[in-house]
């Protein structure tokens, strides 16, 4: 998780009513990032979305959502 994201969550998490997590990365995060964010927020997301470089190269990825 990036430092700016961690700082944002810590500063505003008390204002969150619902959360959605999305991630763009060079390779799959294996869920570590989402677990870390969930732990820091103290709440489960209502949805998750991750796009890694492999998925981004797939021109049909938008039809799979």
PDB file of N, CA and C in Angstrom:
ATOM      1  N   UNK A   1       0.859  -1.167   0.000  1.00  0.00           N
ATOM      2  CA  UNK A   1       0.000   0.000   0.000  1.00  0.00           C
ATOM      3  C   UNK A   1       0.910   1.235   0.000  1.00  0.00           C
ATOM      4  N   UNK A   2       0.562   2.198  -0.786  1.00  0.00           N
ATOM      5  CA  UNK A   2       1.365   3.419  -0.851  1.00  0.00           C
ATOM      6  C   UNK A   2       1.184   4.265   0.414  1.00  0.00           C
ATOM      7  N   UNK A   3       2.185   5.037   0.716  1.00  0.00           N
ATOM      8  CA  UNK A   3       2.122   5.916   1.891  1.00  0.00           C
ATOM      9  C   UNK A   3       0.978   6.923   1.792  1.00  0.00           C
ATOM     10  N   UNK A   4       0.743   7.562   0.625  1.00  0.00           N
ATOM     11  CA  UNK A   4      -0.397   8.494   0.546  1.00  0.00           C
ATOM     12  C   UNK A   4      -1.740   7.817   0.812  1.00  0.00           C
ATOM     13  N   UNK A   5      -1.916   6.588   0.335  1.00  0.00           N
ATOM     14  CA  UNK A   5      -3.176   5.877   0.594  1.00  0.00           C
ATOM     15  C   UNK A   5      -3.320   5.566   2.076  1.00  0.00           C
ATOM     16  N   UNK A   6      -2.254   5.076   2.694  1.00  0.00           N
ATOM     17  CA  UNK A   6      -2.283   4.776   4.124  1.00  0.00           C
ATOM     18  C   UNK A   6      -2.630   6.030   4.926  1.00  0.00           C
ATOM     19  N   UNK A   7      -2.010   7.148   4.591  1.00  0.00           N
ATOM     20  CA  UNK A   7      -2.262   8.421   5.280  1.00  0.00           C
ATOM     21  C   UNK A   7      -3.713   8.845   5.117  1.00  0.00           C
ATOM     22  N   UNK A   8      -4.244   8.740   3.890  1.00  0.00           N
ATOM     23  CA  UNK A   8      -5.635   9.112   3.616  1.00  0.00           C
ATOM     24  C   UNK A   8      -6.591   8.270   4.463  1.00  0.00           C
ATOM     25  N   UNK A   9      -6.374   6.962   4.463  1.00  0.00           N
ATOM     26  CA  UNK A   9      -7.260   6.077   5.228  1.00  0.00           C
ATOM     27  C   UNK A   9      -7.217   6.426   6.709  1.00  0.00           C
ATOM     28  N   UNK A  10      -6.035   6.581   7.242  1.00  0.00           N
ATOM     29  CA  UNK A  10      -5.915   6.896   8.673  1.00  0.00           C
ATOM     30  C   UNK A  10      -6.574   8.223   9.024  1.00  0.00           C
ATOM     31  N   UNK A  11      -6.501   9.184   8.098  1.00  0.00           N
ATOM     32  CA  UNK A  11      -7.069  10.509   8.365  1.00  0.00           C
ATOM     33  C   UNK A  11      -8.592  10.531   8.244  1.00  0.00           C
ATOM     34  N   UNK A  12      -9.146   9.754   7.308  1.00  0.00           N
ATOM     35  CA  UNK A  12     -10.578   9.869   7.004  1.00  0.00           C
ATOM     36  C   UNK A  12     -11.413   8.631   7.308  1.00  0.00           C
ATOM     37  N   UNK A  13     -10.839   7.551   7.809  1.00  0.00           N
ATOM     38  CA  UNK A  13     -11.592   6.305   7.974  1.00  0.00           C
ATOM     39  C   UNK A  13     -12.831   6.447   8.850  1.00  0.00           C
ATOM     40  N   UNK A  14     -12.830   7.367   9.766  1.00  0.00           N
ATOM     41  CA  UNK A  14     -14.013   7.567  10.616  1.00  0.00           C
ATOM     42  C   UNK A  14     -15.189   8.155   9.845  1.00  0.00           C
ATOM     43  N   UNK A  15     -14.940   8.660   8.648  1.00  0.00           N
ATOM     44  CA  UNK A  15     -16.000   9.228   7.818  1.00  0.00           C
ATOM     45  C   UNK A  15     -16.555   8.218   6.811  1.00  0.00           C
ATOM     46  N   UNK A  16     -15.883   7.080   6.653  1.00  0.00           N
ATOM     47  CA  UNK A  16     -16.305   6.072   5.682  1.00  0.00           C
ATOM     48  C   UNK A  16     -17.585   5.384   6.155  1.00  0.00           C
ATOM     49  N   UNK A  17     -18.572   5.303   5.274  1.00  0.00           N
ATOM     50  CA  UNK A  17     -19.781   4.532   5.573  1.00  0.00           C
ATOM     51  C   UNK A  17     -19.741   3.204   4.838  1.00  0.00           C
ATOM     52  N   UNK A  18     -19.308   3.244   3.595  1.00  0.00           N
ATOM     53  CA  UNK A  18     -19.122   2.054   2.763  1.00  0.00           C
ATOM     54  C   UNK A  18     -17.829   2.271   1.984  1.00  0.00           C
ATOM     55  N   UNK A  19     -17.153   1.180   1.660  1.00  0.00           N
ATOM     56  CA  UNK A  19     -15.917   1.289   0.891  1.00  0.00           C
ATOM     57  C   UNK A  19     -15.910   0.300  -0.265  1.00  0.00           C
ATOM     58  N   UNK A  20     -15.236   0.681  -1.329  1.00  0.00           N
ATOM     59  CA  UNK A  20     -14.966  -0.154  -2.489  1.00  0.00           C
ATOM     60  C   UNK A  20     -13.471  -0.079  -2.712  1.00  0.00           C
ATOM     61  N   UNK A  21     -12.830  -1.202  -2.919  1.00  0.00           N
ATOM     62  CA  UNK A  21     -11.391  -1.219  -3.138  1.00  0.00           C
ATOM     63  C   UNK A  21     -11.098  -1.492  -4.601  1.00  0.00           C
ATOM     64  N   UNK A  22     -10.178  -0.723  -5.173  1.00  0.00           N
ATOM     65  CA  UNK A  22      -9.688  -1.018  -6.514  1.00  0.00           C
ATOM     66  C   UNK A  22      -8.184  -0.851  -6.514  1.00  0.00           C
ATOM     67  N   UNK A  23      -7.543  -1.608  -7.392  1.00  0.00           N
ATOM     68  CA  UNK A  23      -6.091  -1.613  -7.416  1.00  0.00           C
ATOM     69  C   UNK A  23      -5.615  -1.776  -8.849  1.00  0.00           C
ATOM     70  N   UNK A  24      -4.622  -1.016  -9.239  1.00  0.00           N
ATOM     71  CA  UNK A  24      -3.919  -1.227 -10.491  1.00  0.00           C
ATOM     72  C   UNK A  24      -2.476  -1.518 -10.130  1.00  0.00           C
ATOM     73  N   UNK A  25      -1.904  -2.534 -10.772  1.00  0.00           N
ATOM     74  CA  UNK A  25      -0.544  -2.918 -10.414  1.00  0.00           C
ATOM     75  C   UNK A  25       0.137  -3.620 -11.580  1.00  0.00           C
ATOM     76  N   UNK A  26       1.460  -3.731 -11.481  1.00  0.00           N
ATOM     77  CA  UNK A  26       2.241  -4.397 -12.516  1.00  0.00           C
ATOM     78  C   UNK A  26       2.031  -5.898 -12.527  1.00  0.00           C
ATOM     79  N   UNK A  27       1.771  -6.463 -11.366  1.00  0.00           N
ATOM     80  CA  UNK A  27       1.499  -7.898 -11.253  1.00  0.00           C
ATOM     81  C   UNK A  27       0.422  -8.078 -10.192  1.00  0.00           C
ATOM     82  N   UNK A  28      -0.089  -9.269 -10.090  1.00  0.00           N
ATOM     83  CA  UNK A  28      -1.157  -9.528  -9.128  1.00  0.00           C
ATOM     84  C   UNK A  28      -0.679  -9.267  -7.706  1.00  0.00           C
ATOM     85  N   UNK A  29      -1.537  -8.657  -6.899  1.00  0.00           N
ATOM     86  CA  UNK A  29      -1.190  -8.361  -5.507  1.00  0.00           C
ATOM     87  C   UNK A  29      -1.439  -9.554  -4.597  1.00  0.00           C
ATOM     88  N   UNK A  30      -2.050 -10.624  -5.129  1.00  0.00           N
ATOM     89  CA  UNK A  30      -2.403 -11.817  -4.347  1.00  0.00           C
ATOM     90  C   UNK A  30      -3.288 -11.481  -3.160  1.00  0.00           C
ATOM     91  N   UNK A  31      -4.003 -10.376  -3.220  1.00  0.00           N
ATOM     92  CA  UNK A  31      -4.934 -10.021  -2.168  1.00  0.00           C
ATOM     93  C   UNK A  31      -4.317  -9.337  -0.964  1.00  0.00           C
ATOM     94  N   UNK A  32      -2.990  -9.268  -0.904  1.00  0.00           N
ATOM     95  CA  UNK A  32      -2.340  -8.657   0.261  1.00  0.00           C
ATOM     96  C   UNK A  32      -2.758  -7.201   0.444  1.00  0.00           C
ATOM     97  N   UNK A  33      -2.781  -6.460  -0.624  1.00  0.00           N
ATOM     98  CA  UNK A  33      -3.123  -5.041  -0.534  1.00  0.00           C
ATOM     99  C   UNK A  33      -4.546  -4.865  -0.024  1.00  0.00           C
ATOM    100  N   UNK A  34      -5.477  -5.637  -0.568  1.00  0.00           N
ATOM    101  CA  UNK A  34      -6.866  -5.521  -0.133  1.00  0.00           C
ATOM    102  C   UNK A  34      -7.019  -5.902   1.339  1.00  0.00           C
ATOM    103  N   UNK A  35      -6.335  -6.939   1.775  1.00  0.00           N
ATOM    104  CA  UNK A  35      -6.401  -7.326   3.196  1.00  0.00           C
ATOM    105  C   UNK A  35      -5.833  -6.227   4.084  1.00  0.00           C
ATOM    106  N   UNK A  36      -4.731  -5.612   3.649  1.00  0.00           N
ATOM    107  CA  UNK A  36      -4.132  -4.524   4.424  1.00  0.00           C
ATOM    108  C   UNK A  36      -5.071  -3.322   4.522  1.00  0.00           C
ATOM    109  N   UNK A  37      -5.701  -2.972   3.405  1.00  0.00           N
ATOM    110  CA  UNK A  37      -6.625  -1.830   3.394  1.00  0.00           C
ATOM    111  C   UNK A  37      -7.839  -2.130   4.279  1.00  0.00           C
ATOM    112  N   UNK A  38      -8.371  -3.344   4.168  1.00  0.00           N
ATOM    113  CA  UNK A  38      -9.521  -3.723   4.996  1.00  0.00           C
ATOM    114  C   UNK A  38      -9.179  -3.630   6.474  1.00  0.00           C
ATOM    115  N   UNK A  39      -8.006  -4.103   6.829  1.00  0.00           N
ATOM    116  CA  UNK A  39      -7.569  -4.047   8.224  1.00  0.00           C
ATOM    117  C   UNK A  39      -7.439  -2.601   8.703  1.00  0.00           C
ATOM    118  N   UNK A  40      -6.864  -1.760   7.873  1.00  0.00           N
ATOM    119  CA  UNK A  40      -6.663  -0.362   8.243  1.00  0.00           C
ATOM    120  C   UNK A  40      -7.991   0.392   8.332  1.00  0.00           C
ATOM    121  N   UNK A  41      -8.915   0.096   7.408  1.00  0.00           N
ATOM    122  CA  UNK A  41     -10.231   0.750   7.414  1.00  0.00           C
ATOM    123  C   UNK A  41     -11.104   0.247   8.554  1.00  0.00           C
ATOM    124  N   UNK A  42     -10.910  -1.010   8.910  1.00  0.00           N
ATOM    125  CA  UNK A  42     -11.763  -1.616   9.924  1.00  0.00           C
ATOM    126  C   UNK A  42     -13.126  -1.999   9.396  1.00  0.00           C
ATOM    127  N   UNK A  43     -13.235  -2.168   8.066  1.00  0.00           N
ATOM    128  CA  UNK A  43     -14.506  -2.569   7.478  1.00  0.00           C
ATOM    129  C   UNK A  43     -14.273  -3.333   6.181  1.00  0.00           C
ATOM    130  N   UNK A  44     -15.231  -4.178   5.837  1.00  0.00           N
ATOM    131  CA  UNK A  44     -15.162  -4.944   4.598  1.00  0.00           C
ATOM    132  C   UNK A  44     -15.683  -4.098   3.436  1.00  0.00           C
ATOM    133  N   UNK A  45     -15.078  -4.252   2.258  1.00  0.00           N
ATOM    134  CA  UNK A  45     -15.556  -3.509   1.091  1.00  0.00           C
ATOM    135  C   UNK A  45     -16.834  -4.129   0.531  1.00  0.00           C
ATOM    136  N   UNK A  46     -17.632  -3.309  -0.125  1.00  0.00           N
ATOM    137  CA  UNK A  46     -18.832  -3.839  -0.780  1.00  0.00           C
ATOM    138  C   UNK A  46     -18.481  -4.396  -2.161  1.00  0.00           C
ATOM    139  N   UNK A  47     -17.297  -4.045  -2.679  1.00  0.00           N
ATOM    140  CA  UNK A  47     -16.833  -4.567  -3.966  1.00  0.00           C
ATOM    141  C   UNK A  47     -15.316  -4.443  -4.043  1.00  0.00           C
ATOM    142  N   UNK A  48     -14.730  -5.297  -4.882  1.00  0.00           N
ATOM    143  CA  UNK A  48     -13.288  -5.277  -5.137  1.00  0.00           C
ATOM    144  C   UNK A  48     -13.058  -5.273  -6.637  1.00  0.00           C
ATOM    145  N   UNK A  49     -11.999  -4.599  -7.083  1.00  0.00           N
ATOM    146  CA  UNK A  49     -11.622  -4.621  -8.494  1.00  0.00           C
ATOM    147  C   UNK A  49     -10.127  -4.450  -8.590  1.00  0.00           C
ATOM    148  N   UNK A  50      -9.473  -5.368  -9.296  1.00  0.00           N
ATOM    149  CA  UNK A  50      -8.029  -5.289  -9.482  1.00  0.00           C
ATOM    150  C   UNK A  50      -7.694  -5.485 -10.946  1.00  0.00           C
ATOM    151  N   UNK A  51      -6.851  -4.621 -11.477  1.00  0.00           N
ATOM    152  CA  UNK A  51      -6.363  -4.768 -12.843  1.00  0.00           C
ATOM    153  C   UNK A  51      -4.848  -4.795 -12.780  1.00  0.00           C
ATOM    154  N   UNK A  52      -4.273  -5.936 -13.188  1.00  0.00           N
ATOM    155  CA  UNK A  52      -2.821  -6.013 -13.284  1.00  0.00           C
ATOM    156  C   UNK A  52      -2.430  -5.870 -14.753  1.00  0.00           C
ATOM    157  N   UNK A  53      -1.139  -5.842 -15.025  1.00  0.00           N
ATOM    158  CA  UNK A  53      -0.680  -5.599 -16.388  1.00  0.00           C
ATOM    159  C   UNK A  53      -1.164  -6.673 -17.357  1.00  0.00           C
ATOM    160  N   UNK A  54      -1.298  -7.906 -16.899  1.00  0.00           N
ATOM    161  CA  UNK A  54      -1.789  -8.984 -17.748  1.00  0.00           C
ATOM    162  C   UNK A  54      -3.239  -8.715 -18.152  1.00  0.00           C
ATOM    163  N   UNK A  55      -4.076  -8.350 -17.177  1.00  0.00           N
ATOM    164  CA  UNK A  55      -5.485  -8.054 -17.469  1.00  0.00           C
ATOM    165  C   UNK A  55      -5.608  -6.808 -18.337  1.00  0.00           C
ATOM    166  N   UNK A  56      -4.773  -5.819 -18.090  1.00  0.00           N
ATOM    167  CA  UNK A  56      -4.837  -4.581 -18.870  1.00  0.00           C
ATOM    168  C   UNK A  56      -4.485  -4.831 -20.332  1.00  0.00           C
ATOM    169  N   UNK A  57      -3.621  -5.800 -20.588  1.00  0.00           N
ATOM    170  CA  UNK A  57      -3.228  -6.122 -21.968  1.00  0.00           C
ATOM    171  C   UNK A  57      -4.336  -6.868 -22.710  1.00  0.00           C
ATOM    172  N   UNK A  58      -5.261  -7.466 -21.973  1.00  0.00           N
ATOM    173  CA  UNK A  58      -6.374  -8.195 -22.566  1.00  0.00           C
ATOM    174  C   UNK A  58      -7.417  -7.186 -23.014  1.00  0.00           C
ATOM    175  N   UNK A  59      -7.571  -7.059 -24.318  1.00  0.00           N
ATOM    176  CA  UNK A  59      -8.494  -6.053 -24.848  1.00  0.00           C
ATOM    177  C   UNK A  59      -9.959  -6.386 -24.554  1.00  0.00           C
ATOM    178  N   UNK A  60     -10.236  -7.573 -24.097  1.00  0.00           N
ATOM    179  CA  UNK A  60     -11.600  -7.968 -23.768  1.00  0.00           C
ATOM    180  C   UNK A  60     -11.911  -7.808 -22.282  1.00  0.00           C
ATOM    181  N   UNK A  61     -10.996  -7.249 -21.501  1.00  0.00           N
ATOM    182  CA  UNK A  61     -11.189  -7.177 -20.057  1.00  0.00           C
ATOM    183  C   UNK A  61     -12.460  -6.405 -19.693  1.00  0.00           C
ATOM    184  N   UNK A  62     -12.805  -5.384 -20.425  1.00  0.00           N
ATOM    185  CA  UNK A  62     -13.996  -4.594 -20.115  1.00  0.00           C
ATOM    186  C   UNK A  62     -15.268  -5.425 -20.250  1.00  0.00           C
ATOM    187  N   UNK A  63     -15.276  -6.395 -21.142  1.00  0.00           N
ATOM    188  CA  UNK A  63     -16.476  -7.218 -21.312  1.00  0.00           C
ATOM    189  C   UNK A  63     -16.595  -8.276 -20.217  1.00  0.00           C
ATOM    190  N   UNK A  64     -15.535  -8.482 -19.445  1.00  0.00           N
ATOM    191  CA  UNK A  64     -15.538  -9.482 -18.382  1.00  0.00           C
ATOM    192  C   UNK A  64     -15.973  -8.905 -17.051  1.00  0.00           C
ATOM    193  N   UNK A  65     -16.195  -7.604 -16.961  1.00  0.00           N
ATOM    194  CA  UNK A  65     -16.541  -6.974 -15.685  1.00  0.00           C
ATOM    195  C   UNK A  65     -17.974  -7.231 -15.295  1.00  0.00           C
TER     196      UNK A  65
END
